[in-house]
Amino acid sequence: MPIYEYELCEGECKACGGQFTLNRPLSAKPLTNCPACKKPVRKIISGFTTPHKLKPLSIVDAKKAGFTVLKRVSKGEYERQ
């Protein structure tokens, strides 16, 4: 389930602090009011991280992971390594 971040459109709230996060299924209707204070809210765009550098898989690593490793012999022909 994705995590969504929301903030109040106007004012402040002691219950939610003006911002909160919720786990909601993709099929859920858009949230329009805070569940705690019932004031109008808007969804905010949150940051995310991605791996900076990925190590390429070696043939040994690929075989250990259960992949079949093929070597190109000629055009359209491959054989197992």
PDB file of N, CA and C in Angstrom:
ATOM      1  N   MET A   1       0.839  -1.174   0.000  1.00  0.00           N
ATOM      2  CA  MET A   1       0.000   0.000   0.000  1.00  0.00           C
ATOM      3  C   MET A   1       0.887   1.240   0.000  1.00  0.00           C
ATOM      4  N   PRO A   2       0.575   2.209  -0.850  1.00  0.00           N
ATOM      5  CA  PRO A   2       1.379   3.430  -0.880  1.00  0.00           C
ATOM      6  C   PRO A   2       1.124   4.301   0.342  1.00  0.00           C
ATOM      7  N   ILE A   3       2.111   5.114   0.667  1.00  0.00           N
ATOM      8  CA  ILE A   3       1.992   6.074   1.769  1.00  0.00           C
ATOM      9  C   ILE A   3       1.731   7.437   1.159  1.00  0.00           C
ATOM     10  N   TYR A   4       0.671   8.098   1.617  1.00  0.00           N
ATOM     11  CA  TYR A   4       0.317   9.422   1.129  1.00  0.00           C
ATOM     12  C   TYR A   4       0.526  10.441   2.238  1.00  0.00           C
ATOM     13  N   GLU A   5       1.013  11.622   1.869  1.00  0.00           N
ATOM     14  CA  GLU A   5       1.193  12.716   2.816  1.00  0.00           C
ATOM     15  C   GLU A   5       0.165  13.789   2.517  1.00  0.00           C
ATOM     16  N   TYR A   6      -0.418  14.333   3.584  1.00  0.00           N
ATOM     17  CA  TYR A   6      -1.445  15.360   3.465  1.00  0.00           C
ATOM     18  C   TYR A   6      -1.097  16.534   4.360  1.00  0.00           C
ATOM     19  N   GLU A   7      -1.634  17.722   3.986  1.00  0.00           N
ATOM     20  CA  GLU A   7      -1.526  18.904   4.832  1.00  0.00           C
ATOM     21  C   GLU A   7      -2.852  19.641   4.808  1.00  0.00           C
ATOM     22  N   LEU A   8      -3.098  20.395   5.871  1.00  0.00           N
ATOM     23  CA  LEU A   8      -4.325  21.170   5.934  1.00  0.00           C
ATOM     24  C   LEU A   8      -4.287  22.293   4.917  1.00  0.00           C
ATOM     25  N   CYS A   9      -5.422  22.576   4.302  1.00  0.00           N
ATOM     26  CA  CYS A   9      -5.493  23.678   3.341  1.00  0.00           C
ATOM     27  C   CYS A   9      -5.382  25.016   4.064  1.00  0.00           C
ATOM     28  N   GLU A  10      -6.011  25.129   5.215  1.00  0.00           N
ATOM     29  CA  GLU A  10      -5.976  26.372   5.994  1.00  0.00           C
ATOM     30  C   GLU A  10      -5.958  26.052   7.476  1.00  0.00           C
ATOM     31  N   GLY A  11      -5.335  26.922   8.244  1.00  0.00           N
ATOM     32  CA  GLY A  11      -5.372  26.802   9.691  1.00  0.00           C
ATOM     33  C   GLY A  11      -4.427  25.753  10.236  1.00  0.00           C
ATOM     34  N   GLU A  12      -4.577  25.521  11.543  1.00  0.00           N
ATOM     35  CA  GLU A  12      -3.747  24.557  12.242  1.00  0.00           C
ATOM     36  C   GLU A  12      -4.623  23.626  13.058  1.00  0.00           C
ATOM     37  N   CYS A  13      -4.045  22.528  13.485  1.00  0.00           N
ATOM     38  CA  CYS A  13      -4.792  21.541  14.268  1.00  0.00           C
ATOM     39  C   CYS A  13      -3.849  20.924  15.291  1.00  0.00           C
ATOM     40  N   LYS A  14      -4.289  20.827  16.528  1.00  0.00           N
ATOM     41  CA  LYS A  14      -3.468  20.192  17.561  1.00  0.00           C
ATOM     42  C   LYS A  14      -3.481  18.676  17.414  1.00  0.00           C
ATOM     43  N   ALA A  15      -4.553  18.118  16.861  1.00  0.00           N
ATOM     44  CA  ALA A  15      -4.664  16.665  16.720  1.00  0.00           C
ATOM     45  C   ALA A  15      -3.725  16.127  15.645  1.00  0.00           C
ATOM     46  N   CYS A  16      -3.710  16.749  14.456  1.00  0.00           N
ATOM     47  CA  CYS A  16      -2.888  16.229  13.351  1.00  0.00           C
ATOM     48  C   CYS A  16      -1.603  17.029  13.146  1.00  0.00           C
ATOM     49  N   GLY A  17      -1.486  18.195  13.756  1.00  0.00           N
ATOM     50  CA  GLY A  17      -0.273  19.003  13.607  1.00  0.00           C
ATOM     51  C   GLY A  17      -0.184  19.708  12.263  1.00  0.00           C
ATOM     52  N   GLY A  18      -1.217  19.671  11.459  1.00  0.00           N
ATOM     53  CA  GLY A  18      -1.214  20.338  10.158  1.00  0.00           C
ATOM     54  C   GLY A  18      -0.734  19.461   9.024  1.00  0.00           C
ATOM     55  N   GLN A  19      -0.002  18.367   9.328  1.00  0.00           N
ATOM     56  CA  GLN A  19       0.464  17.411   8.317  1.00  0.00           C
ATOM     57  C   GLN A  19       0.370  16.012   8.891  1.00  0.00           C
ATOM     58  N   PHE A  20       0.065  15.044   8.043  1.00  0.00           N
ATOM     59  CA  PHE A  20       0.009  13.657   8.480  1.00  0.00           C
ATOM     60  C   PHE A  20       0.200  12.739   7.294  1.00  0.00           C
ATOM     61  N   THR A  21       0.529  11.487   7.566  1.00  0.00           N
ATOM     62  CA  THR A  21       0.706  10.479   6.519  1.00  0.00           C
ATOM     63  C   THR A  21      -0.261   9.328   6.771  1.00  0.00           C
ATOM     64  N   LEU A  22      -0.712   8.709   5.689  1.00  0.00           N
ATOM     65  CA  LEU A  22      -1.630   7.579   5.768  1.00  0.00           C
ATOM     66  C   LEU A  22      -1.243   6.511   4.758  1.00  0.00           C
ATOM     67  N   ASN A  23      -1.391   5.253   5.134  1.00  0.00           N
ATOM     68  CA  ASN A  23      -1.289   4.139   4.187  1.00  0.00           C
ATOM     69  C   ASN A  23      -2.677   3.946   3.612  1.00  0.00           C
ATOM     70  N   ARG A  24      -2.815   4.085   2.303  1.00  0.00           N
ATOM     71  CA  ARG A  24      -4.127   3.944   1.666  1.00  0.00           C
ATOM     72  C   ARG A  24      -3.985   3.109   0.403  1.00  0.00           C
ATOM     73  N   PRO A  25      -4.944   2.233   0.139  1.00  0.00           N
ATOM     74  CA  PRO A  25      -4.888   1.463  -1.112  1.00  0.00           C
ATOM     75  C   PRO A  25      -5.117   2.366  -2.324  1.00  0.00           C
ATOM     76  N   LEU A  26      -4.626   1.946  -3.463  1.00  0.00           N
ATOM     77  CA  LEU A  26      -4.797   2.736  -4.692  1.00  0.00           C
ATOM     78  C   LEU A  26      -6.265   2.894  -5.061  1.00  0.00           C
ATOM     79  N   SER A  27      -7.082   1.926  -4.669  1.00  0.00           N
ATOM     80  CA  SER A  27      -8.501   1.961  -5.026  1.00  0.00           C
ATOM     81  C   SER A  27      -9.333   2.873  -4.121  1.00  0.00           C
ATOM     82  N   ALA A  28      -8.732   3.429  -3.058  1.00  0.00           N
ATOM     83  CA  ALA A  28      -9.470   4.280  -2.123  1.00  0.00           C
ATOM     84  C   ALA A  28      -9.821   5.617  -2.768  1.00  0.00           C
ATOM     85  N   LYS A  29     -10.966   6.169  -2.373  1.00  0.00           N
ATOM     86  CA  LYS A  29     -11.372   7.487  -2.859  1.00  0.00           C
ATOM     87  C   LYS A  29     -10.416   8.538  -2.309  1.00  0.00           C
ATOM     88  N   PRO A  30     -10.214   9.644  -3.035  1.00  0.00           N
ATOM     89  CA  PRO A  30      -9.314  10.689  -2.545  1.00  0.00           C
ATOM     90  C   PRO A  30      -9.792  11.241  -1.202  1.00  0.00           C
ATOM     91  N   LEU A  31      -8.843  11.487  -0.312  1.00  0.00           N
ATOM     92  CA  LEU A  31      -9.154  12.032   1.002  1.00  0.00           C
ATOM     93  C   LEU A  31      -9.337  13.539   0.868  1.00  0.00           C
ATOM     94  N   THR A  32     -10.443  14.060   1.376  1.00  0.00           N
ATOM     95  CA  THR A  32     -10.711  15.496   1.271  1.00  0.00           C
ATOM     96  C   THR A  32     -10.700  16.188   2.624  1.00  0.00           C
ATOM     97  N   ASN A  33     -10.902  15.431   3.718  1.00  0.00           N
ATOM     98  CA  ASN A  33     -10.918  16.017   5.055  1.00  0.00           C
ATOM     99  C   ASN A  33     -10.028  15.205   5.989  1.00  0.00           C
ATOM    100  N   CYS A  34      -9.440  15.893   6.960  1.00  0.00           N
ATOM    101  CA  CYS A  34      -8.599  15.250   7.961  1.00  0.00           C
ATOM    102  C   CYS A  34      -9.458  14.307   8.804  1.00  0.00           C
ATOM    103  N   PRO A  35      -8.998  13.084   9.043  1.00  0.00           N
ATOM    104  CA  PRO A  35      -9.778  12.163   9.866  1.00  0.00           C
ATOM    105  C   PRO A  35      -9.894  12.628  11.324  1.00  0.00           C
ATOM    106  N   ALA A  36      -8.934  13.428  11.808  1.00  0.00           N
ATOM    107  CA  ALA A  36      -8.947  13.861  13.208  1.00  0.00           C
ATOM    108  C   ALA A  36      -9.777  15.127  13.423  1.00  0.00           C
ATOM    109  N   CYS A  37      -9.525  16.161  12.605  1.00  0.00           N
ATOM    110  CA  CYS A  37     -10.170  17.461  12.854  1.00  0.00           C
ATOM    111  C   CYS A  37     -11.243  17.821  11.825  1.00  0.00           C
ATOM    112  N   LYS A  38     -11.378  17.023  10.768  1.00  0.00           N
ATOM    113  CA  LYS A  38     -12.397  17.206   9.720  1.00  0.00           C
ATOM    114  C   LYS A  38     -12.206  18.463   8.872  1.00  0.00           C
ATOM    115  N   LYS A  39     -11.033  19.107   8.954  1.00  0.00           N
ATOM    116  CA  LYS A  39     -10.758  20.280   8.121  1.00  0.00           C
ATOM    117  C   LYS A  39     -10.323  19.814   6.738  1.00  0.00           C
ATOM    118  N   PRO A  40     -10.504  20.659   5.682  1.00  0.00           N
ATOM    119  CA  PRO A  40     -10.088  20.274   4.323  1.00  0.00           C
ATOM    120  C   PRO A  40      -8.573  20.070   4.225  1.00  0.00           C
ATOM    121  N   VAL A  41      -8.180  19.038   3.471  1.00  0.00           N
ATOM    122  CA  VAL A  41      -6.757  18.728   3.287  1.00  0.00           C
ATOM    123  C   VAL A  41      -6.437  18.604   1.806  1.00  0.00           C
ATOM    124  N   ARG A  42      -5.154  18.672   1.495  1.00  0.00           N
ATOM    125  CA  ARG A  42      -4.674  18.429   0.129  1.00  0.00           C
ATOM    126  C   ARG A  42      -3.486  17.472   0.218  1.00  0.00           C
ATOM    127  N   LYS A  43      -3.349  16.660  -0.816  1.00  0.00           N
ATOM    128  CA  LYS A  43      -2.242  15.708  -0.882  1.00  0.00           C
ATOM    129  C   LYS A  43      -0.993  16.464  -1.313  1.00  0.00           C
ATOM    130  N   ILE A  44       0.124  16.184  -0.657  1.00  0.00           N
ATOM    131  CA  ILE A  44       1.378  16.835  -1.030  1.00  0.00           C
ATOM    132  C   ILE A  44       2.299  15.801  -1.660  1.00  0.00           C
ATOM    133  N   ILE A  45       3.191  16.270  -2.505  1.00  0.00           N
ATOM    134  CA  ILE A  45       4.148  15.401  -3.174  1.00  0.00           C
ATOM    135  C   ILE A  45       5.319  15.192  -2.229  1.00  0.00           C
ATOM    136  N   SER A  46       5.626  13.942  -1.959  1.00  0.00           N
ATOM    137  CA  SER A  46       6.713  13.640  -1.032  1.00  0.00           C
ATOM    138  C   SER A  46       7.939  13.187  -1.796  1.00  0.00           C
ATOM    139  N   GLY A  47       9.075  13.289  -1.142  1.00  0.00           N
ATOM    140  CA  GLY A  47      10.329  12.873  -1.753  1.00  0.00           C
ATOM    141  C   GLY A  47      10.512  11.371  -1.656  1.00  0.00           C
ATOM    142  N   PHE A  48      11.415  10.838  -2.441  1.00  0.00           N
ATOM    143  CA  PHE A  48      11.726   9.417  -2.399  1.00  0.00           C
ATOM    144  C   PHE A  48      13.199   9.248  -2.720  1.00  0.00           C
ATOM    145  N   THR A  49      13.728   8.104  -2.384  1.00  0.00           N
ATOM    146  CA  THR A  49      15.134   7.839  -2.659  1.00  0.00           C
ATOM    147  C   THR A  49      15.258   6.651  -3.601  1.00  0.00           C
ATOM    148  N   THR A  50      16.324   6.662  -4.354  1.00  0.00           N
ATOM    149  CA  THR A  50      16.631   5.552  -5.249  1.00  0.00           C
ATOM    150  C   THR A  50      18.081   5.151  -5.028  1.00  0.00           C
ATOM    151  N   PRO A  51      18.441   3.936  -5.340  1.00  0.00           N
ATOM    152  CA  PRO A  51      19.851   3.548  -5.193  1.00  0.00           C
ATOM    153  C   PRO A  51      20.724   4.415  -6.090  1.00  0.00           C
ATOM    154  N   HIS A  52      21.852   4.859  -5.563  1.00  0.00           N
ATOM    155  CA  HIS A  52      22.734   5.747  -6.330  1.00  0.00           C
ATOM    156  C   HIS A  52      23.565   4.981  -7.348  1.00  0.00           C
ATOM    157  N   LYS A  53      24.013   3.818  -6.966  1.00  0.00           N
ATOM    158  CA  LYS A  53      24.884   3.068  -7.862  1.00  0.00           C
ATOM    159  C   LYS A  53      24.558   1.587  -7.721  1.00  0.00           C
ATOM    160  N   LEU A  54      24.202   0.955  -8.811  1.00  0.00           N
ATOM    161  CA  LEU A  54      23.910  -0.466  -8.789  1.00  0.00           C
ATOM    162  C   LEU A  54      25.079  -1.240  -9.369  1.00  0.00           C
ATOM    163  N   LYS A  55      25.447  -2.301  -8.695  1.00  0.00           N
ATOM    164  CA  LYS A  55      26.527  -3.157  -9.165  1.00  0.00           C
ATOM    165  C   LYS A  55      25.967  -4.084 -10.240  1.00  0.00           C
ATOM    166  N   PRO A  56      26.594  -4.171 -11.399  1.00  0.00           N
ATOM    167  CA  PRO A  56      26.092  -5.088 -12.427  1.00  0.00           C
ATOM    168  C   PRO A  56      26.208  -6.534 -11.937  1.00  0.00           C
ATOM    169  N   LEU A  57      25.242  -7.352 -12.323  1.00  0.00           N
ATOM    170  CA  LEU A  57      25.259  -8.762 -11.936  1.00  0.00           C
ATOM    171  C   LEU A  57      26.354  -9.508 -12.684  1.00  0.00           C
ATOM    172  N   SER A  58      27.080 -10.326 -11.977  1.00  0.00           N
ATOM    173  CA  SER A  58      28.054 -11.188 -12.639  1.00  0.00           C
ATOM    174  C   SER A  58      27.339 -12.470 -13.055  1.00  0.00           C
ATOM    175  N   ILE A  59      27.971 -13.264 -13.864  1.00  0.00           N
ATOM    176  CA  ILE A  59      27.389 -14.527 -14.314  1.00  0.00           C
ATOM    177  C   ILE A  59      27.155 -15.446 -13.121  1.00  0.00           C
ATOM    178  N   VAL A  60      28.087 -15.477 -12.192  1.00  0.00           N
ATOM    179  CA  VAL A  60      27.951 -16.320 -10.999  1.00  0.00           C
ATOM    180  C   VAL A  60      26.757 -15.853 -10.162  1.00  0.00           C
ATOM    181  N   ASP A  61      26.623 -14.525  -9.970  1.00  0.00           N
ATOM    182  CA  ASP A  61      25.500 -13.990  -9.198  1.00  0.00           C
ATOM    183  C   ASP A  61      24.169 -14.315  -9.865  1.00  0.00           C
ATOM    184  N   ALA A  62      24.118 -14.199 -11.180  1.00  0.00           N
ATOM    185  CA  ALA A  62      22.884 -14.487 -11.914  1.00  0.00           C
ATOM    186  C   ALA A  62      22.504 -15.959 -11.772  1.00  0.00           C
ATOM    187  N   LYS A  63      23.488 -16.853 -11.857  1.00  0.00           N
ATOM    188  CA  LYS A  63      23.209 -18.283 -11.704  1.00  0.00           C
ATOM    189  C   LYS A  63      22.736 -18.595 -10.289  1.00  0.00           C
ATOM    190  N   LYS A  64      23.353 -17.965  -9.281  1.00  0.00           N
ATOM    191  CA  LYS A  64      22.943 -18.172  -7.886  1.00  0.00           C
ATOM    192  C   LYS A  64      21.508 -17.690  -7.662  1.00  0.00           C
ATOM    193  N   ALA A  65      21.100 -16.647  -8.390  1.00  0.00           N
ATOM    194  CA  ALA A  65      19.750 -16.113  -8.251  1.00  0.00           C
ATOM    195  C   ALA A  65      18.719 -16.941  -9.005  1.00  0.00           C
ATOM    196  N   GLY A  66      19.172 -17.946  -9.757  1.00  0.00           N
ATOM    197  CA  GLY A  66      18.242 -18.826 -10.446  1.00  0.00           C
ATOM    198  C   GLY A  66      18.005 -18.496 -11.906  1.00  0.00           C
ATOM    199  N   PHE A  67      18.761 -17.562 -12.457  1.00  0.00           N
ATOM    200  CA  PHE A  67      18.603 -17.204 -13.864  1.00  0.00           C
ATOM    201  C   PHE A  67      19.382 -18.165 -14.753  1.00  0.00           C
ATOM    202  N   THR A  68      18.902 -18.371 -15.965  1.00  0.00           N
ATOM    203  CA  THR A  68      19.635 -19.131 -16.977  1.00  0.00           C
ATOM    204  C   THR A  68      20.486 -18.141 -17.757  1.00  0.00           C
ATOM    205  N   VAL A  69      21.779 -18.393 -17.778  1.00  0.00           N
ATOM    206  CA  VAL A  69      22.709 -17.489 -18.451  1.00  0.00           C
ATOM    207  C   VAL A  69      23.025 -18.056 -19.826  1.00  0.00           C
ATOM    208  N   LEU A  70      22.809 -17.250 -20.856  1.00  0.00           N
ATOM    209  CA  LEU A  70      23.057 -17.669 -22.232  1.00  0.00           C
ATOM    210  C   LEU A  70      24.185 -16.852 -22.842  1.00  0.00           C
ATOM    211  N   LYS A  71      24.925 -17.489 -23.754  1.00  0.00           N
ATOM    212  CA  LYS A  71      25.997 -16.815 -24.487  1.00  0.00           C
ATOM    213  C   LYS A  71      25.625 -16.848 -25.957  1.00  0.00           C
ATOM    214  N   ARG A  72      25.792 -15.719 -26.640  1.00  0.00           N
ATOM    215  CA  ARG A  72      25.456 -15.640 -28.063  1.00  0.00           C
ATOM    216  C   ARG A  72      26.538 -16.349 -28.876  1.00  0.00           C
ATOM    217  N   VAL A  73      26.121 -17.329 -29.684  1.00  0.00           N
ATOM    218  CA  VAL A  73      27.039 -18.082 -30.531  1.00  0.00           C
ATOM    219  C   VAL A  73      27.104 -17.432 -31.907  1.00  0.00           C
ATOM    220  N   SER A  74      25.962 -17.172 -32.496  1.00  0.00           N
ATOM    221  CA  SER A  74      25.864 -16.487 -33.778  1.00  0.00           C
ATOM    222  C   SER A  74      24.511 -15.790 -33.810  1.00  0.00           C
ATOM    223  N   LYS A  75      24.197 -15.169 -34.924  1.00  0.00           N
ATOM    224  CA  LYS A  75      22.941 -14.424 -35.021  1.00  0.00           C
ATOM    225  C   LYS A  75      21.751 -15.357 -34.791  1.00  0.00           C
ATOM    226  N   GLY A  76      21.001 -15.098 -33.712  1.00  0.00           N
ATOM    227  CA  GLY A  76      19.836 -15.893 -33.404  1.00  0.00           C
ATOM    228  C   GLY A  76      20.095 -17.213 -32.708  1.00  0.00           C
ATOM    229  N   GLU A  77      21.370 -17.513 -32.395  1.00  0.00           N
ATOM    230  CA  GLU A  77      21.702 -18.771 -31.719  1.00  0.00           C
ATOM    231  C   GLU A  77      22.412 -18.475 -30.403  1.00  0.00           C
ATOM    232  N   TYR A  78      21.956 -19.153 -29.350  1.00  0.00           N
ATOM    233  CA  TYR A  78      22.523 -18.979 -28.026  1.00  0.00           C
ATOM    234  C   TYR A  78      22.757 -20.340 -27.409  1.00  0.00           C
ATOM    235  N   GLU A  79      23.721 -20.427 -26.500  1.00  0.00           N
ATOM    236  CA  GLU A  79      23.936 -21.655 -25.754  1.00  0.00           C
ATOM    237  C   GLU A  79      24.124 -21.313 -24.279  1.00  0.00           C
ATOM    238  N   ARG A  80      23.805 -22.291 -23.443  1.00  0.00           N
ATOM    239  CA  ARG A  80      23.957 -22.090 -22.002  1.00  0.00           C
ATOM    240  C   ARG A  80      25.414 -21.974 -21.615  1.00  0.00           C
ATOM    241  N   GLN A  81      25.672 -21.186 -20.608  1.00  0.00           N
ATOM    242  CA  GLN A  81      27.027 -21.064 -20.072  1.00  0.00           C
ATOM    243  C   GLN A  81      27.174 -21.927 -18.867  1.00  0.00           C
TER     244      GLN A  81
END
